Protein backbone atom coordinates (compact mmCIF):
# COMPACT_ATOMS: atom_id res chain seq x y z
CA MET A 1 -2.28 -141.71 40.15
CA LYS A 2 -5.74 -141.34 41.60
CA PRO A 3 -6.08 -142.87 45.08
CA TRP A 4 -7.75 -146.25 45.22
CA LYS A 5 -11.25 -146.14 46.70
CA ARG A 6 -13.16 -149.22 47.88
CA GLU A 7 -16.16 -148.15 45.88
CA THR A 8 -14.11 -147.89 42.68
CA LEU A 9 -15.14 -150.46 40.17
CA PRO A 10 -12.53 -152.13 37.93
CA GLU A 11 -14.53 -151.49 34.82
CA GLN A 12 -13.70 -147.79 35.05
CA ILE A 13 -10.17 -148.50 33.81
CA PHE A 14 -10.36 -152.02 32.38
CA VAL A 15 -12.95 -151.65 29.69
CA LYS A 16 -10.88 -151.85 26.59
CA SER A 17 -10.02 -154.54 24.12
CA VAL A 18 -6.69 -155.58 22.64
CA SER A 19 -5.94 -156.40 19.00
CA CYS A 20 -3.09 -158.17 17.36
CA SER A 21 -1.37 -155.95 14.76
CA LEU A 22 1.73 -158.15 14.20
CA SER A 23 2.15 -159.80 10.84
CA CYS A 24 4.58 -162.62 11.77
CA ASP A 25 4.28 -166.27 10.85
CA THR A 26 1.48 -168.03 12.75
CA LEU A 27 2.57 -171.22 14.46
CA ARG A 28 -0.82 -171.97 16.11
CA ALA A 29 -4.19 -170.33 16.21
CA TYR A 30 -7.11 -171.05 18.46
CA SER A 31 -10.09 -169.44 20.20
CA ILE A 32 -10.88 -168.68 23.85
CA GLY A 33 -14.50 -167.94 23.61
CA LEU A 34 -14.83 -164.76 21.47
CA ALA A 35 -11.11 -164.11 21.90
CA LYS A 36 -8.75 -165.21 19.20
CA VAL A 37 -5.20 -166.33 20.07
CA ARG A 38 -2.25 -166.63 17.67
CA ILE A 39 1.20 -167.91 18.54
CA LEU A 40 3.52 -166.02 16.25
CA ASP A 41 7.14 -166.52 15.18
CA CYS A 42 8.65 -163.03 14.84
CA ASN A 43 12.17 -163.58 13.65
CA GLY A 44 12.81 -166.47 16.15
CA ARG A 45 10.91 -164.81 18.98
CA LEU A 46 7.58 -166.24 19.95
CA VAL A 47 4.73 -163.89 20.77
CA TYR A 48 1.32 -164.65 22.22
CA CYS A 49 -1.06 -162.34 20.34
CA VAL A 50 -4.68 -161.76 21.41
CA ASP A 51 -7.62 -160.35 19.43
CA GLU A 52 -10.61 -159.45 21.68
CA PRO A 53 -14.02 -158.39 20.37
CA PRO A 54 -13.73 -154.67 19.48
CA LEU A 55 -15.55 -151.97 21.39
CA SER A 56 -16.75 -148.56 20.19
CA ASN A 57 -16.94 -145.67 22.67
CA ASP A 58 -20.64 -146.19 22.92
CA ASP A 59 -20.03 -149.90 23.60
CA VAL A 60 -17.72 -149.02 26.49
CA LYS A 61 -20.45 -146.94 28.14
CA ILE A 62 -22.89 -149.82 27.81
CA VAL A 63 -20.41 -152.34 29.32
CA VAL A 64 -19.77 -149.98 32.27
CA ALA A 65 -23.55 -149.62 32.86
CA LEU A 66 -24.13 -153.40 32.55
CA ALA A 67 -21.22 -154.30 34.83
CA ARG A 68 -22.29 -151.87 37.49
CA ARG A 69 -25.85 -153.13 37.45
CA LEU A 70 -24.83 -156.75 37.58
CA ALA A 71 -22.36 -156.07 40.43
CA ILE A 72 -25.26 -154.65 42.42
CA THR A 73 -27.51 -157.69 41.76
CA GLY A 74 -24.71 -160.24 42.31
CA GLU A 75 -24.90 -161.68 38.82
CA ARG A 76 -21.72 -162.63 36.85
CA SER A 77 -23.04 -162.29 33.34
CA ILE A 78 -25.76 -160.88 31.18
CA PRO A 79 -28.76 -163.15 30.62
CA THR A 80 -29.12 -165.00 27.40
CA ASP A 81 -32.91 -165.41 27.29
CA PRO A 82 -35.00 -162.58 25.62
CA GLU A 83 -37.11 -161.81 28.75
CA GLY A 84 -34.04 -161.48 31.01
CA LEU A 85 -32.35 -159.37 28.39
CA ARG A 86 -35.36 -157.04 28.09
CA LYS A 87 -35.46 -156.55 31.85
CA LEU A 88 -31.78 -155.76 31.95
CA SER A 89 -32.00 -153.34 28.98
CA SER A 90 -34.76 -151.43 30.78
CA SER A 91 -32.87 -151.27 34.06
CA VAL A 92 -29.72 -149.75 32.44
CA GLY A 93 -31.53 -147.60 29.86
CA VAL A 94 -30.12 -149.34 26.72
CA ALA A 95 -32.48 -150.12 23.83
CA TYR A 96 -33.30 -153.75 23.65
CA PRO A 97 -32.60 -154.25 19.92
CA LEU A 98 -29.05 -152.77 20.36
CA LEU A 99 -28.42 -154.95 23.43
CA ALA A 100 -29.75 -158.10 21.74
CA ARG A 101 -27.65 -157.45 18.56
CA LYS A 102 -24.42 -156.89 20.50
CA ALA A 103 -25.06 -159.39 23.26
CA PRO A 104 -22.19 -161.73 22.46
CA GLN A 105 -19.43 -159.22 22.55
CA LEU A 106 -20.97 -157.24 25.40
CA LYS A 107 -21.29 -160.48 27.35
CA TYR A 108 -17.64 -161.17 26.83
CA HIS A 109 -16.52 -157.73 28.11
CA VAL A 110 -18.96 -157.67 30.99
CA GLU A 111 -17.68 -161.06 32.17
CA LYS A 112 -14.10 -159.69 31.76
CA VAL A 113 -14.87 -156.75 34.07
CA LEU A 114 -16.69 -158.81 36.65
CA SER A 115 -13.89 -161.34 36.75
CA GLY A 116 -11.56 -158.84 38.37
CA TYR A 117 -8.63 -159.81 36.21
CA GLY A 118 -9.05 -156.95 33.83
CA PRO A 119 -6.60 -157.03 30.93
CA LEU A 120 -5.37 -160.44 32.08
CA TYR A 121 -8.78 -162.03 31.50
CA PRO A 122 -8.10 -163.83 28.21
CA LEU A 123 -4.84 -165.21 29.66
CA MET A 124 -6.72 -166.45 32.70
CA ARG A 125 -9.28 -168.25 30.57
CA ASP A 126 -6.80 -169.95 28.34
CA PRO A 127 -6.05 -173.43 29.62
CA GLU A 128 -2.79 -173.55 27.68
CA VAL A 129 -1.31 -170.70 29.70
CA GLU A 130 0.39 -171.95 32.92
CA GLU A 131 1.92 -168.76 34.32
CA ILE A 132 1.47 -165.03 33.79
CA ALA A 133 3.92 -162.24 34.66
CA VAL A 134 3.61 -158.47 34.56
CA ASP A 135 7.04 -157.14 35.34
CA GLY A 136 6.13 -153.50 35.39
CA PRO A 137 4.20 -150.71 33.64
CA GLY A 138 4.84 -150.22 29.93
CA ARG A 139 6.22 -153.74 29.56
CA SER A 140 4.55 -156.59 27.67
CA VAL A 141 2.72 -159.05 29.86
CA SER A 142 4.40 -162.42 29.41
CA VAL A 143 3.21 -166.00 29.76
CA VAL A 144 4.46 -169.58 30.01
CA HIS A 145 2.62 -171.67 27.40
CA ARG A 146 2.09 -175.41 27.84
CA ARG A 147 2.64 -176.11 24.07
CA PHE A 148 5.67 -173.86 23.67
CA GLU A 149 7.46 -174.20 26.93
CA ILE A 150 10.78 -172.88 25.93
CA GLY A 151 10.75 -169.87 28.16
CA TRP A 152 8.59 -166.81 28.84
CA MET A 153 6.65 -165.54 25.87
CA ASP A 154 5.68 -161.87 25.36
CA THR A 155 2.07 -160.95 24.66
CA ASN A 156 0.52 -157.92 22.96
CA ILE A 157 -1.03 -156.81 26.30
CA VAL A 158 0.69 -153.84 27.91
CA LEU A 159 -0.50 -152.03 31.07
CA ASP A 160 0.26 -148.43 31.92
CA GLN A 161 1.09 -147.39 35.49
CA ASP A 162 -2.41 -146.43 36.51
CA GLU A 163 -3.85 -149.58 35.08
CA LEU A 164 -1.22 -151.81 36.71
CA ASP A 165 -1.37 -150.12 40.17
CA MET A 166 -5.14 -150.34 40.17
CA LEU A 167 -5.07 -154.01 39.12
CA VAL A 168 -2.49 -154.90 41.77
CA MET A 169 -4.66 -153.14 44.46
CA TYR A 170 -7.74 -154.97 43.26
CA LEU A 171 -6.06 -158.39 43.14
CA GLY A 172 -4.68 -157.81 46.59
CA ARG A 173 -8.25 -157.45 47.92
CA LYS A 174 -9.24 -160.41 45.83
CA ILE A 175 -6.78 -162.64 47.69
CA GLY A 176 -7.57 -161.05 51.04
CA ARG A 177 -4.18 -159.31 51.41
CA PRO A 178 -4.70 -155.54 50.82
CA LEU A 179 -1.56 -153.75 49.67
CA SER A 180 -0.33 -150.35 50.74
CA ILE A 181 2.86 -148.34 51.11
CA ALA A 182 3.21 -150.02 54.58
CA HIS A 183 2.60 -153.48 53.19
CA PRO A 184 3.88 -153.34 49.58
CA TYR A 185 3.93 -157.02 48.66
CA ALA A 186 1.61 -159.99 49.15
CA GLU A 187 0.93 -163.49 47.91
CA GLY A 188 -2.19 -165.58 48.11
CA LEU A 189 -4.87 -167.55 46.46
CA THR A 190 -7.78 -166.18 44.43
CA PRO A 191 -11.28 -167.61 44.92
CA GLU A 192 -10.73 -169.63 41.73
CA GLY A 193 -7.56 -171.21 43.24
CA HIS A 194 -4.92 -169.32 41.31
CA ARG A 195 -1.73 -168.41 43.21
CA ILE A 196 -0.74 -164.74 42.87
CA ALA A 197 2.32 -162.78 44.06
CA LEU A 198 2.03 -158.98 43.97
CA THR A 199 4.23 -155.94 44.52
CA PHE A 200 2.88 -152.36 44.82
CA SER A 201 4.49 -149.34 43.33
CA LYS A 202 8.26 -148.96 43.74
CA GLU A 203 8.46 -149.85 47.47
CA VAL A 204 10.13 -153.21 46.85
CA SER A 205 10.24 -153.45 43.06
CA ARG A 206 12.48 -150.88 41.29
CA ILE A 207 10.44 -150.96 38.09
CA GLY A 208 7.03 -150.49 39.67
CA SER A 209 4.00 -152.68 40.55
CA SER A 210 4.25 -156.25 39.35
CA ILE A 211 2.15 -159.44 39.20
CA VAL A 212 2.97 -163.17 38.89
CA VAL A 213 0.13 -165.68 38.56
CA ARG A 214 0.59 -169.39 38.75
CA LYS A 215 -2.68 -170.78 37.42
CA HIS A 216 -4.62 -173.49 39.17
CA PHE A 217 -6.11 -176.16 36.89
CA GLU A 218 -9.37 -177.70 38.01
CA LYS A 219 -8.36 -181.16 36.87
CA PRO A 220 -5.06 -182.19 38.53
CA LEU A 221 -2.84 -184.62 36.74
CA SER A 222 -3.14 -188.22 37.88
CA ALA A 223 -0.25 -190.75 38.42
CA ILE A 224 -1.22 -192.44 35.15
CA GLN A 225 -0.97 -189.13 33.25
CA LEU A 226 2.46 -188.49 34.77
CA ILE A 227 3.59 -191.98 33.57
CA GLU A 228 2.08 -191.25 30.11
CA ASP A 229 3.87 -187.93 29.91
CA GLY A 230 7.24 -189.56 30.80
CA VAL A 231 7.57 -187.65 34.14
CA ALA A 232 8.13 -191.01 35.94
CA SER A 233 7.94 -194.72 35.21
CA GLU A 234 5.39 -197.12 36.44
CA ALA A 235 8.11 -198.63 38.60
CA ILE A 236 8.93 -195.26 40.33
CA ILE A 237 5.30 -194.30 40.83
CA ALA A 238 4.49 -197.72 42.36
CA TYR A 239 7.57 -197.44 44.62
CA LEU A 240 6.51 -194.04 45.95
CA TRP A 241 2.91 -195.26 46.37
CA MET A 242 4.21 -198.29 48.22
CA LEU A 243 6.28 -196.14 50.61
CA VAL A 244 3.60 -193.68 51.47
CA ASP A 245 0.89 -196.38 51.85
CA HIS A 246 3.16 -198.24 54.26
CA GLY A 247 3.81 -195.36 56.53
CA ARG A 248 7.21 -194.24 55.27
CA SER A 249 8.49 -190.70 54.67
CA VAL A 250 9.21 -189.13 51.27
CA LEU A 251 10.53 -185.72 50.46
CA ILE A 252 9.92 -184.43 46.88
CA ALA A 253 12.69 -181.97 45.99
CA GLY A 254 13.26 -179.76 43.01
CA PRO A 255 13.49 -176.16 41.77
CA THR A 256 10.59 -173.74 41.37
CA ALA A 257 7.90 -174.94 38.85
CA SER A 258 9.58 -178.39 38.46
CA GLY A 259 6.32 -180.24 39.23
CA LYS A 260 6.85 -181.12 42.87
CA THR A 261 3.23 -180.40 43.98
CA THR A 262 1.88 -182.12 40.82
CA LEU A 263 3.79 -185.33 41.72
CA LEU A 264 2.79 -185.00 45.45
CA GLN A 265 -0.90 -184.76 44.53
CA ALA A 266 -0.70 -187.61 42.08
CA ILE A 267 0.68 -189.88 44.82
CA LEU A 268 -2.07 -188.86 47.18
CA GLY A 269 -4.51 -189.83 44.54
CA LEU A 270 -3.40 -193.43 44.91
CA ILE A 271 -4.01 -193.62 48.63
CA PRO A 272 -7.21 -195.44 49.61
CA SER A 273 -10.14 -193.54 51.17
CA ILE A 274 -9.85 -195.43 54.49
CA LYS A 275 -6.58 -193.46 55.22
CA ARG A 276 -6.80 -190.14 56.96
CA ILE A 277 -4.71 -187.49 55.10
CA VAL A 278 -3.87 -184.21 56.85
CA THR A 279 -2.45 -181.54 54.51
CA ILE A 280 -0.79 -178.37 55.69
CA GLU A 281 -0.05 -175.54 53.25
CA ASP A 282 0.89 -171.97 53.31
CA THR A 283 -1.08 -171.36 50.13
CA PRO A 284 -3.57 -174.11 49.42
CA GLU A 285 -2.83 -175.83 46.20
CA LEU A 286 -3.58 -179.47 46.78
CA ASN A 287 -7.04 -180.63 45.67
CA LEU A 288 -8.25 -184.06 46.79
CA PHE A 289 -11.83 -183.13 45.96
CA ASN A 290 -14.40 -184.64 48.22
CA ARG A 291 -12.56 -187.75 49.27
CA PRO A 292 -13.35 -188.80 52.88
CA HIS A 293 -10.91 -188.34 55.74
CA TRP A 294 -9.15 -185.43 54.08
CA ASP A 295 -8.25 -182.72 56.67
CA SER A 296 -6.92 -179.55 54.92
CA LEU A 297 -5.22 -177.01 57.16
CA VAL A 298 -3.92 -173.64 55.89
CA ALA A 299 -1.49 -171.21 57.52
CA ARG A 300 -2.66 -167.68 58.44
CA HIS A 301 -0.56 -164.58 58.32
CA SER A 302 -1.72 -161.38 60.01
CA TYR A 303 -0.54 -157.74 59.92
CA SER A 304 -2.03 -157.11 63.29
CA LYS A 305 -0.21 -157.70 66.56
CA ASP A 306 -3.49 -158.67 68.17
CA VAL A 307 -4.09 -161.60 65.75
CA GLU A 308 -2.06 -164.77 66.04
CA ASP A 309 0.01 -165.88 63.09
CA VAL A 310 -0.76 -169.50 62.46
CA THR A 311 2.50 -170.88 60.95
CA LEU A 312 3.20 -174.19 59.18
CA GLU A 313 5.18 -175.26 62.22
CA LYS A 314 2.24 -174.63 64.60
CA LEU A 315 -0.10 -176.41 62.19
CA ALA A 316 2.27 -179.47 61.86
CA ARG A 317 2.37 -179.88 65.59
CA PHE A 318 -1.42 -179.41 65.81
CA ALA A 319 -1.93 -181.90 63.00
CA LEU A 320 -0.17 -184.66 64.96
CA ARG A 321 -3.01 -184.47 67.50
CA ARG A 322 -5.57 -185.19 64.78
CA ARG A 323 -4.41 -188.71 64.25
CA PRO A 324 -3.19 -188.52 60.66
CA ASP A 325 -2.29 -191.59 58.70
CA ILE A 326 -0.44 -189.46 56.29
CA LEU A 327 1.01 -186.03 57.19
CA VAL A 328 1.52 -183.72 54.21
CA ILE A 329 3.29 -180.40 54.25
CA GLY A 330 2.79 -178.63 50.97
CA GLU A 331 6.26 -176.94 51.08
CA ILE A 332 8.91 -177.11 53.79
CA ARG A 333 10.66 -173.81 54.18
CA GLY A 334 11.70 -173.53 57.87
CA PRO A 335 11.26 -174.94 61.36
CA GLU A 336 8.36 -177.13 60.17
CA ALA A 337 11.09 -179.44 58.77
CA LEU A 338 11.82 -180.61 62.42
CA VAL A 339 8.08 -181.41 62.99
CA PHE A 340 7.91 -183.22 59.66
CA LEU A 341 10.83 -185.50 60.45
CA GLN A 342 9.64 -185.92 64.09
CA ALA A 343 6.45 -187.21 62.77
CA ALA A 344 8.33 -189.61 60.44
CA ALA A 345 10.39 -190.81 63.35
CA THR A 346 7.32 -191.63 65.37
CA GLY A 347 5.82 -193.85 62.66
CA HIS A 348 3.65 -191.46 60.68
CA ALA A 349 3.66 -191.54 56.93
CA ALA A 350 5.09 -188.10 55.98
CA LEU A 351 5.17 -186.47 52.52
CA ALA A 352 6.35 -182.99 51.61
CA THR A 353 7.97 -180.85 48.93
CA PHE A 354 11.21 -178.98 49.34
CA HIS A 355 13.39 -176.58 47.24
CA ALA A 356 16.64 -178.30 46.34
CA ASP A 357 18.25 -179.48 43.14
CA SER A 358 19.71 -182.82 44.28
CA ALA A 359 19.44 -185.35 47.04
CA HIS A 360 22.73 -184.11 48.51
CA SER A 361 21.65 -180.49 48.47
CA THR A 362 18.36 -181.55 50.11
CA ILE A 363 20.33 -183.05 53.05
CA ASP A 364 22.59 -180.01 53.23
CA ARG A 365 19.56 -177.68 53.26
CA LEU A 366 17.80 -179.66 55.96
CA LYS A 367 20.88 -179.43 58.18
CA SER A 368 21.05 -175.64 57.53
CA LEU A 369 17.44 -175.52 58.89
CA GLY A 370 18.68 -177.08 62.06
CA VAL A 371 17.65 -180.68 61.53
CA PRO A 372 19.99 -182.95 63.59
CA GLN A 373 21.59 -186.05 62.03
CA TYR A 374 19.56 -188.44 64.05
CA LEU A 375 16.30 -187.04 62.66
CA LEU A 376 17.68 -187.18 59.00
CA GLU A 377 17.70 -190.91 59.53
CA ALA A 378 13.89 -190.80 59.80
CA LEU A 379 13.71 -189.72 56.14
CA ASP A 380 13.23 -192.79 53.97
CA ALA A 381 13.50 -191.45 50.39
CA ILE A 382 14.18 -188.32 48.41
CA VAL A 383 12.73 -187.81 45.00
CA VAL A 384 14.22 -185.04 42.75
CA VAL A 385 12.05 -183.50 40.02
CA LYS A 386 13.44 -180.98 37.47
CA ARG A 387 12.41 -179.16 34.34
CA VAL A 388 14.73 -180.49 31.59
CA ARG A 389 15.32 -179.79 27.96
CA ILE A 390 14.51 -182.60 25.54
CA GLY A 391 15.40 -181.49 22.06
CA TYR A 392 13.60 -178.20 21.54
CA ARG A 393 11.05 -178.62 24.30
CA ILE A 394 11.00 -178.32 28.06
CA ALA A 395 9.65 -181.22 30.07
CA ARG A 396 9.41 -182.31 33.68
CA ARG A 397 11.19 -185.48 34.81
CA VAL A 398 11.89 -187.32 38.04
CA VAL A 399 15.70 -187.32 37.69
CA GLU A 400 16.59 -189.44 40.68
CA VAL A 401 15.06 -191.49 43.50
CA VAL A 402 17.40 -191.82 46.47
CA GLU A 403 16.92 -193.77 49.73
CA VAL A 404 18.43 -192.43 53.02
CA ASP A 405 19.99 -195.21 55.02
CA GLY A 406 23.25 -194.24 56.67
CA GLY A 407 24.04 -192.47 53.43
CA LEU A 408 22.31 -191.84 50.13
CA HIS A 409 21.58 -194.85 47.85
CA THR A 410 20.23 -194.32 44.40
CA ILE A 411 17.30 -196.53 43.51
CA ALA A 412 16.34 -195.11 40.11
CA ARG A 413 17.45 -192.28 37.77
CA TRP A 414 16.54 -190.58 34.53
CA THR A 415 18.81 -191.18 31.57
CA ALA A 416 18.75 -188.03 29.49
CA SER A 417 20.29 -189.44 26.28
CA ARG A 418 17.43 -191.96 25.96
CA ASP A 419 14.71 -190.09 27.94
CA ILE A 420 13.96 -193.15 30.03
CA HIS A 421 13.98 -194.04 33.68
CA GLU A 422 16.32 -196.83 34.74
CA PRO A 423 16.17 -199.54 35.91
CA LEU A 424 13.44 -200.62 33.55
CA ASP A 425 12.77 -203.76 35.54
CA PRO A 426 10.69 -203.18 38.75
CA GLY A 427 12.34 -206.31 40.16
CA VAL A 428 15.68 -204.42 40.28
CA ILE A 429 14.22 -201.61 42.31
CA ALA A 430 12.57 -204.16 44.64
CA GLY A 431 15.83 -205.95 45.04
CA GLU A 432 17.92 -202.77 45.75
CA SER A 433 15.47 -201.12 48.13
CA ARG A 434 16.59 -201.00 51.75
CA VAL A 435 13.21 -199.35 52.70
CA PHE A 436 11.42 -202.49 51.48
CA ARG A 437 13.40 -204.42 54.12
CA ARG A 438 12.28 -201.93 56.87
CA ILE A 439 8.64 -202.33 55.69
CA ALA A 440 8.97 -206.14 55.84
CA ASP A 441 10.47 -205.85 59.41
CA ALA A 442 7.61 -203.53 60.51
CA LEU A 443 4.96 -205.88 59.08
CA GLY A 444 6.58 -208.99 60.51
CA VAL A 445 6.69 -210.66 57.10
CA ASP A 446 9.43 -211.89 54.85
CA ARG A 447 10.75 -209.63 52.05
CA ALA A 448 9.10 -211.70 49.40
CA GLY A 449 5.66 -210.61 50.63
CA VAL A 450 6.63 -206.97 50.28
CA VAL A 451 8.05 -207.46 46.83
CA GLU A 452 4.82 -209.15 45.88
CA ASP A 453 2.77 -206.20 47.09
CA TYR A 454 5.03 -203.84 45.06
CA THR A 455 4.73 -205.90 41.98
CA ALA A 456 0.94 -205.90 42.26
CA ARG A 457 1.00 -202.16 42.33
CA VAL A 458 3.14 -201.89 39.25
CA SER A 459 0.69 -204.26 37.46
CA MET A 460 -2.26 -202.20 38.58
CA LEU A 461 -0.78 -199.00 37.27
CA ARG A 462 0.09 -200.72 33.95
CA ARG A 463 -3.55 -202.03 33.73
CA LEU A 464 -5.03 -198.67 34.31
CA ARG A 465 -2.81 -197.11 31.60
CA GLU A 466 -3.68 -199.87 29.12
CA GLN A 467 -7.40 -199.39 29.88
CA GLY A 468 -7.13 -195.59 29.28
CA VAL A 469 -8.03 -194.63 32.86
CA TYR A 470 -6.33 -191.24 33.09
CA GLU A 471 -8.50 -188.71 34.93
CA PHE A 472 -7.46 -187.98 38.56
CA MET A 473 -10.78 -189.00 40.16
CA ASP A 474 -11.22 -192.03 37.88
CA VAL A 475 -7.82 -193.27 38.84
CA PHE A 476 -8.63 -192.69 42.61
CA ARG A 477 -11.91 -194.54 42.35
CA ARG A 478 -10.31 -197.55 40.58
CA ILE A 479 -7.52 -197.74 43.14
CA ASP A 480 -9.93 -197.37 46.02
CA SER A 481 -12.08 -200.26 44.69
CA TRP A 482 -8.94 -202.38 44.24
CA PHE A 483 -7.92 -201.79 47.92
CA ALA A 484 -11.51 -202.50 49.08
CA ALA A 485 -11.41 -205.85 47.30
CA ASN A 486 -8.08 -206.72 48.90
CA THR A 487 -9.35 -205.53 52.30
CA ARG A 488 -12.39 -207.88 52.07
CA GLU A 489 -9.96 -210.82 51.51
CA LEU A 490 -8.02 -209.68 54.64
CA TYR A 491 -11.19 -209.44 56.70
CA ALA A 492 -12.23 -212.94 55.61
CA LYS A 493 -8.84 -214.31 56.67
CA LEU A 494 -9.04 -212.55 60.05
CA THR A 495 -12.55 -213.76 60.63
CA GLU A 496 -11.54 -217.28 59.78
CA ALA A 497 -8.59 -217.10 62.15
CA ALA A 498 -10.73 -215.72 64.97
CA GLY A 499 -13.33 -218.47 64.45
CA SER A 500 -10.70 -221.19 64.68
CA GLY A 501 -9.14 -219.52 67.70
CA GLY A 502 -5.94 -218.76 65.78
């Protein structure tokens, strides 16, 4: 393999198109720009097959010239207007009639080169693809597809060793984590927000260089969309919203890719803008957009002894000095668990995700991380999320909601045979919740007032669903306005009480 050089451009090895030559039954067909996608059933095995615009040898040379020129000028695509196209044709020495005639397919391949994803480009552009894996050279790139989530699906894209090694090196620089024999693996976030895990050569992977991409979607799912998709019921979402908004602690547990972060973000989308949210992440995945009072902190890892590693634990301690109303740790893995529960014990609302497959295993794993029993009592609730099979499809479900109060007390659970969350009646959850009693004590009100607050939240979620308010930011704005109206009523009462000397 030729050594990687900083000045090497990815188009030197990535300018080629793939075509689908399989003649299996087509289950679904759609387009991603000029690329055509077919989901095929090949004797019971699903295949994701891509057809890209074809390129002749002369076309390849033109794409290389165009990509190099645009890389210099900082542009990401060829112009669409005649005048801009004429200037570009002159600068790269390509006849204008030829460039104009082939502009659409040349545009596709130039954008593919400049994206830096090379052969993975059509997969990165497909909103139906959730995850991408390249397990080694000579192996089919595989994907997880949102419409056919029954497992990993092979594609017709295959990378040889040189292509894969070069792509891994390039992606390492793209995420700011250069790979080498000394540092043969890395994970990080691309500028577009995609989470990538890489290995280089055979230093830690027996097969060779490898890539796993968990794609970031610009539009996160709202709480209403999760209810609509059956992930959780209105009663469960309102319960979690109630706890976080009233300063309690919630740990969202589950296996990898079970939807923990999706649920966490959806709950944060219900918190009013007057609350200060501090998020702490190893790899930034949460996106609260431009909401006010959001403080996003990200860990930093360094290969140099002269540069401080900024760990999640350090950031969690630092965050407590920034007066958070809600402290959020994207994923608890180690000693930051202590800081998380210490924050909960001192009255901060605390929310985090954790790898565990049940409430009991969550407690056991926290103990294995050195969390003492007295701090475990600071945890109010554990929510377990899993990927489950419903018929022939895979779905995500909140499978249990458990309160921690001298033991584990189940508040709600998912019934697989009926695909529903029980109890159906929010009043039952309100009656069973021990955390609601603690909220009432902290507020100095009777339990009936807390139950009324909870019931109002259930009704609000139901109303938004009935009105078709689904988008994340639309839900946030409606909830924020609802809180503002309630706050004005509270201010009026306080002003009246102050005026009367009460």
